[in-house]
Amino acid sequence: MADEPVLVFASFEPKAGQEETVQKILQGMVGPTRQEPGNEIYDLYERKNGPDGKRSFHLFEKYKDTSALDFHRETEHYKNYRATITEHLGEPIGVVVLAAIDAA
């Protein structure tokens, strides 16, 4: 349903030497996204020592509904980030969109 919350987990694996650039790009998304109508959570996390010893970044996002997520994907800051971040990543962005079954 359109009126149910939508959760998004997005993971970013930087190329070697691009960790700081990826972090900066992602941090630039936090403020503007948190100001969007319909955004409830937009938190950035870092995994400092993954199994391969590399750093990775992870966004936990929650939107009021699918319309709020669609709005997010149409913003200028989203389009700019998508246009710039991929060249700094070693693999495609891992995105999982979830709908709650039993969540508090």
N, C-alpha and C. Protein backbone atom coordinates (compact mmCIF):
# COMPACT_ATOMS: atom_id res chain seq x y z
N MET A 1 0.82 -1.20 0.00
CA MET A 1 0.00 0.00 0.00
C MET A 1 0.86 1.25 0.00
N ALA A 2 0.37 2.29 -0.60
CA ALA A 2 1.14 3.52 -0.71
C ALA A 2 1.30 4.23 0.63
N ASP A 3 0.43 3.94 1.59
CA ASP A 3 0.52 4.67 2.86
C ASP A 3 1.33 3.94 3.92
N GLU A 4 2.01 2.87 3.55
CA GLU A 4 2.85 2.14 4.50
C GLU A 4 4.29 2.64 4.41
N PRO A 5 5.01 2.65 5.53
CA PRO A 5 6.42 3.08 5.51
C PRO A 5 7.27 2.18 4.61
N VAL A 6 8.30 2.78 4.05
CA VAL A 6 9.24 2.07 3.20
C VAL A 6 10.63 2.24 3.80
N LEU A 7 11.34 1.13 3.96
CA LEU A 7 12.71 1.15 4.46
C LEU A 7 13.66 0.84 3.31
N VAL A 8 14.80 1.51 3.32
CA VAL A 8 15.82 1.28 2.29
C VAL A 8 17.16 1.09 3.00
N PHE A 9 17.87 0.02 2.60
CA PHE A 9 19.25 -0.19 3.02
C PHE A 9 20.10 -0.06 1.76
N ALA A 10 21.06 0.85 1.79
CA ALA A 10 21.95 1.04 0.64
C ALA A 10 23.39 0.88 1.10
N SER A 11 24.17 0.09 0.37
CA SER A 11 25.55 -0.18 0.74
C SER A 11 26.49 0.28 -0.37
N PHE A 12 27.63 0.85 0.05
CA PHE A 12 28.60 1.45 -0.86
C PHE A 12 29.98 0.90 -0.56
N GLU A 13 30.61 0.33 -1.57
CA GLU A 13 31.95 -0.25 -1.45
C GLU A 13 32.90 0.63 -2.26
N PRO A 14 33.65 1.53 -1.61
CA PRO A 14 34.55 2.42 -2.36
C PRO A 14 35.72 1.67 -3.00
N LYS A 15 36.20 2.23 -4.11
CA LYS A 15 37.47 1.77 -4.68
C LYS A 15 38.57 2.12 -3.68
N ALA A 16 39.67 1.40 -3.72
CA ALA A 16 40.81 1.71 -2.85
C ALA A 16 41.23 3.16 -3.05
N GLY A 17 41.39 3.88 -1.94
CA GLY A 17 41.79 5.27 -1.99
C GLY A 17 40.65 6.25 -2.18
N GLN A 18 39.43 5.76 -2.37
CA GLN A 18 38.28 6.63 -2.61
C GLN A 18 37.34 6.72 -1.39
N GLU A 19 37.78 6.16 -0.27
CA GLU A 19 36.91 6.10 0.91
C GLU A 19 36.46 7.48 1.38
N GLU A 20 37.38 8.41 1.47
CA GLU A 20 37.04 9.75 1.97
C GLU A 20 36.10 10.48 1.01
N THR A 21 36.31 10.28 -0.28
CA THR A 21 35.44 10.91 -1.28
C THR A 21 34.03 10.36 -1.18
N VAL A 22 33.90 9.05 -1.07
CA VAL A 22 32.58 8.43 -0.94
C VAL A 22 31.89 8.92 0.33
N GLN A 23 32.63 8.96 1.43
CA GLN A 23 32.04 9.44 2.69
C GLN A 23 31.55 10.87 2.54
N LYS A 24 32.34 11.72 1.92
CA LYS A 24 31.95 13.12 1.74
C LYS A 24 30.69 13.25 0.88
N ILE A 25 30.62 12.51 -0.21
CA ILE A 25 29.43 12.55 -1.07
C ILE A 25 28.20 12.11 -0.29
N LEU A 26 28.32 11.02 0.45
CA LEU A 26 27.17 10.51 1.22
C LEU A 26 26.78 11.47 2.34
N GLN A 27 27.75 12.05 3.03
CA GLN A 27 27.42 13.00 4.09
C GLN A 27 26.70 14.22 3.52
N GLY A 28 27.02 14.58 2.28
CA GLY A 28 26.34 15.69 1.64
C GLY A 28 24.87 15.43 1.37
N MET A 29 24.47 14.18 1.40
CA MET A 29 23.07 13.81 1.19
C MET A 29 22.24 13.86 2.47
N VAL A 30 22.89 13.75 3.61
CA VAL A 30 22.17 13.60 4.88
C VAL A 30 21.26 14.80 5.17
N GLY A 31 21.82 16.00 5.23
CA GLY A 31 21.02 17.18 5.57
C GLY A 31 19.86 17.43 4.65
N PRO A 32 20.09 17.49 3.33
CA PRO A 32 18.98 17.74 2.42
C PRO A 32 17.90 16.66 2.46
N THR A 33 18.31 15.41 2.59
CA THR A 33 17.32 14.33 2.60
C THR A 33 16.49 14.37 3.87
N ARG A 34 17.10 14.66 5.00
CA ARG A 34 16.34 14.74 6.25
C ARG A 34 15.32 15.87 6.22
N GLN A 35 15.51 16.85 5.34
CA GLN A 35 14.57 17.96 5.22
C GLN A 35 13.40 17.66 4.28
N GLU A 36 13.47 16.56 3.56
CA GLU A 36 12.42 16.22 2.62
C GLU A 36 11.13 15.86 3.35
N PRO A 37 9.99 16.31 2.81
CA PRO A 37 8.72 15.86 3.39
C PRO A 37 8.59 14.36 3.17
N GLY A 38 8.24 13.63 4.18
CA GLY A 38 8.07 12.19 4.05
C GLY A 38 9.29 11.39 4.45
N ASN A 39 10.45 12.04 4.66
CA ASN A 39 11.61 11.31 5.14
C ASN A 39 11.54 11.23 6.65
N GLU A 40 11.68 10.03 7.20
CA GLU A 40 11.62 9.85 8.65
C GLU A 40 12.98 9.52 9.24
N ILE A 41 13.81 8.81 8.50
CA ILE A 41 15.16 8.46 8.96
C ILE A 41 16.08 8.48 7.76
N TYR A 42 17.26 9.05 7.94
CA TYR A 42 18.30 8.99 6.91
C TYR A 42 19.63 9.02 7.65
N ASP A 43 20.12 7.83 8.00
CA ASP A 43 21.30 7.69 8.83
C ASP A 43 22.41 6.99 8.05
N LEU A 44 23.61 7.52 8.18
CA LEU A 44 24.79 7.00 7.50
C LEU A 44 25.68 6.27 8.49
N TYR A 45 26.10 5.07 8.13
CA TYR A 45 26.96 4.24 8.96
C TYR A 45 28.19 3.83 8.17
N GLU A 46 29.24 3.46 8.92
CA GLU A 46 30.48 3.00 8.31
C GLU A 46 30.86 1.65 8.91
N ARG A 47 31.28 0.75 8.05
CA ARG A 47 31.90 -0.49 8.51
C ARG A 47 33.38 -0.32 8.27
N LYS A 48 34.14 -0.26 9.37
CA LYS A 48 35.56 0.09 9.27
C LYS A 48 36.44 -1.08 8.87
N ASN A 49 36.10 -2.26 9.29
CA ASN A 49 36.94 -3.42 9.01
C ASN A 49 36.09 -4.60 8.57
N GLY A 50 35.70 -4.58 7.31
CA GLY A 50 34.94 -5.70 6.77
C GLY A 50 35.81 -6.93 6.66
N PRO A 51 35.26 -8.04 6.19
CA PRO A 51 36.01 -9.28 6.08
C PRO A 51 37.29 -9.13 5.25
N ASP A 52 37.28 -8.22 4.29
CA ASP A 52 38.45 -8.00 3.46
C ASP A 52 39.31 -6.85 3.99
N GLY A 53 38.96 -6.32 5.17
CA GLY A 53 39.72 -5.23 5.78
C GLY A 53 39.38 -3.86 5.25
N LYS A 54 38.44 -3.78 4.31
CA LYS A 54 38.09 -2.51 3.69
C LYS A 54 36.96 -1.80 4.44
N ARG A 55 36.89 -0.49 4.22
CA ARG A 55 35.79 0.31 4.75
C ARG A 55 34.63 0.29 3.76
N SER A 56 33.43 0.31 4.29
CA SER A 56 32.24 0.44 3.45
C SER A 56 31.26 1.35 4.18
N PHE A 57 30.31 1.87 3.44
CA PHE A 57 29.33 2.81 3.99
C PHE A 57 27.94 2.27 3.73
N HIS A 58 27.03 2.59 4.67
CA HIS A 58 25.68 2.03 4.61
C HIS A 58 24.67 3.07 5.06
N LEU A 59 23.64 3.24 4.24
CA LEU A 59 22.56 4.16 4.58
C LEU A 59 21.35 3.36 5.04
N PHE A 60 20.75 3.82 6.13
CA PHE A 60 19.49 3.29 6.61
C PHE A 60 18.48 4.41 6.43
N GLU A 61 17.48 4.17 5.60
CA GLU A 61 16.51 5.20 5.26
C GLU A 61 15.10 4.72 5.56
N LYS A 62 14.27 5.63 6.01
CA LYS A 62 12.85 5.31 6.20
C LYS A 62 12.03 6.46 5.66
N TYR A 63 11.06 6.10 4.83
CA TYR A 63 10.17 7.08 4.22
C TYR A 63 8.73 6.78 4.63
N LYS A 64 7.95 7.82 4.71
CA LYS A 64 6.55 7.70 5.12
C LYS A 64 5.79 6.70 4.24
N ASP A 65 6.09 6.72 2.95
CA ASP A 65 5.42 5.84 2.00
C ASP A 65 6.19 5.83 0.69
N THR A 66 5.69 5.08 -0.29
CA THR A 66 6.39 4.99 -1.57
C THR A 66 6.42 6.34 -2.29
N SER A 67 5.42 7.16 -2.10
CA SER A 67 5.42 8.48 -2.72
C SER A 67 6.58 9.33 -2.20
N ALA A 68 6.88 9.22 -0.91
CA ALA A 68 8.00 9.96 -0.32
C ALA A 68 9.33 9.46 -0.88
N LEU A 69 9.46 8.15 -1.09
CA LEU A 69 10.68 7.61 -1.69
C LEU A 69 10.80 8.08 -3.14
N ASP A 70 9.70 8.07 -3.86
CA ASP A 70 9.72 8.56 -5.25
C ASP A 70 10.12 10.03 -5.30
N PHE A 71 9.61 10.82 -4.36
CA PHE A 71 9.97 12.24 -4.29
C PHE A 71 11.48 12.38 -4.08
N HIS A 72 12.03 11.59 -3.15
CA HIS A 72 13.46 11.62 -2.86
C HIS A 72 14.27 11.37 -4.13
N ARG A 73 13.87 10.40 -4.90
CA ARG A 73 14.62 10.02 -6.10
C ARG A 73 14.53 11.06 -7.22
N GLU A 74 13.64 12.02 -7.08
CA GLU A 74 13.51 13.09 -8.07
C GLU A 74 14.18 14.40 -7.65
N THR A 75 14.75 14.43 -6.44
CA THR A 75 15.37 15.68 -5.98
C THR A 75 16.70 15.92 -6.69
N GLU A 76 17.09 17.17 -6.74
CA GLU A 76 18.35 17.55 -7.37
C GLU A 76 19.55 16.94 -6.64
N HIS A 77 19.50 16.94 -5.28
CA HIS A 77 20.64 16.37 -4.54
C HIS A 77 20.78 14.88 -4.79
N TYR A 78 19.68 14.17 -4.94
CA TYR A 78 19.75 12.73 -5.25
C TYR A 78 20.35 12.51 -6.64
N LYS A 79 19.86 13.25 -7.62
CA LYS A 79 20.36 13.10 -8.98
C LYS A 79 21.85 13.44 -9.06
N ASN A 80 22.28 14.48 -8.36
CA ASN A 80 23.70 14.86 -8.36
C ASN A 80 24.57 13.78 -7.72
N TYR A 81 24.11 13.24 -6.60
CA TYR A 81 24.88 12.20 -5.92
C TYR A 81 25.00 10.95 -6.81
N ARG A 82 23.91 10.57 -7.45
CA ARG A 82 23.94 9.39 -8.32
C ARG A 82 24.88 9.59 -9.51
N ALA A 83 24.94 10.83 -10.00
CA ALA A 83 25.79 11.13 -11.15
C ALA A 83 27.27 11.14 -10.79
N THR A 84 27.60 11.34 -9.51
CA THR A 84 29.01 11.47 -9.14
C THR A 84 29.57 10.29 -8.37
N ILE A 85 28.77 9.55 -7.64
CA ILE A 85 29.34 8.55 -6.73
C ILE A 85 29.84 7.29 -7.43
N THR A 86 29.19 6.88 -8.50
CA THR A 86 29.52 5.56 -9.08
C THR A 86 30.97 5.44 -9.53
N GLU A 87 31.58 6.53 -9.98
CA GLU A 87 32.97 6.44 -10.43
C GLU A 87 33.94 6.17 -9.28
N HIS A 88 33.49 6.34 -8.05
CA HIS A 88 34.33 6.14 -6.87
C HIS A 88 34.09 4.79 -6.20
N LEU A 89 33.20 3.99 -6.77
CA LEU A 89 32.83 2.71 -6.17
C LEU A 89 33.47 1.55 -6.91
N GLY A 90 33.80 0.52 -6.14
CA GLY A 90 34.38 -0.68 -6.71
C GLY A 90 33.35 -1.67 -7.21
N GLU A 91 32.10 -1.48 -6.82
CA GLU A 91 31.01 -2.33 -7.28
C GLU A 91 29.72 -1.52 -7.24
N PRO A 92 28.67 -2.00 -7.91
CA PRO A 92 27.41 -1.25 -7.92
C PRO A 92 26.85 -1.06 -6.51
N ILE A 93 26.10 0.02 -6.34
CA ILE A 93 25.43 0.28 -5.06
C ILE A 93 24.48 -0.88 -4.78
N GLY A 94 24.55 -1.39 -3.56
CA GLY A 94 23.64 -2.45 -3.14
C GLY A 94 22.42 -1.81 -2.49
N VAL A 95 21.27 -1.92 -3.12
CA VAL A 95 20.05 -1.30 -2.59
C VAL A 95 19.01 -2.37 -2.33
N VAL A 96 18.46 -2.35 -1.11
CA VAL A 96 17.37 -3.24 -0.75
C VAL A 96 16.23 -2.38 -0.23
N VAL A 97 15.06 -2.48 -0.87
CA VAL A 97 13.87 -1.76 -0.44
C VAL A 97 12.97 -2.76 0.27
N LEU A 98 12.57 -2.43 1.50
CA LEU A 98 11.82 -3.35 2.34
C LEU A 98 10.47 -2.78 2.75
N ALA A 99 9.49 -3.64 2.85
CA ALA A 99 8.20 -3.30 3.42
C ALA A 99 8.06 -4.10 4.72
N ALA A 100 7.56 -3.44 5.74
CA ALA A 100 7.46 -4.08 7.06
C ALA A 100 6.40 -5.18 7.07
N ILE A 101 6.71 -6.27 7.74
CA ILE A 101 5.75 -7.32 8.02
C ILE A 101 5.26 -7.18 9.45
N ASP A 102 6.22 -7.04 10.37
CA ASP A 102 5.89 -6.88 11.79
C ASP A 102 6.98 -6.01 12.40
N ALA A 103 6.77 -4.72 12.42
CA ALA A 103 7.77 -3.77 12.92
C ALA A 103 7.13 -2.82 13.91
N ALA A 104 7.89 -2.45 14.93
CA ALA A 104 7.37 -1.53 15.94
C ALA A 104 7.53 -0.09 15.47
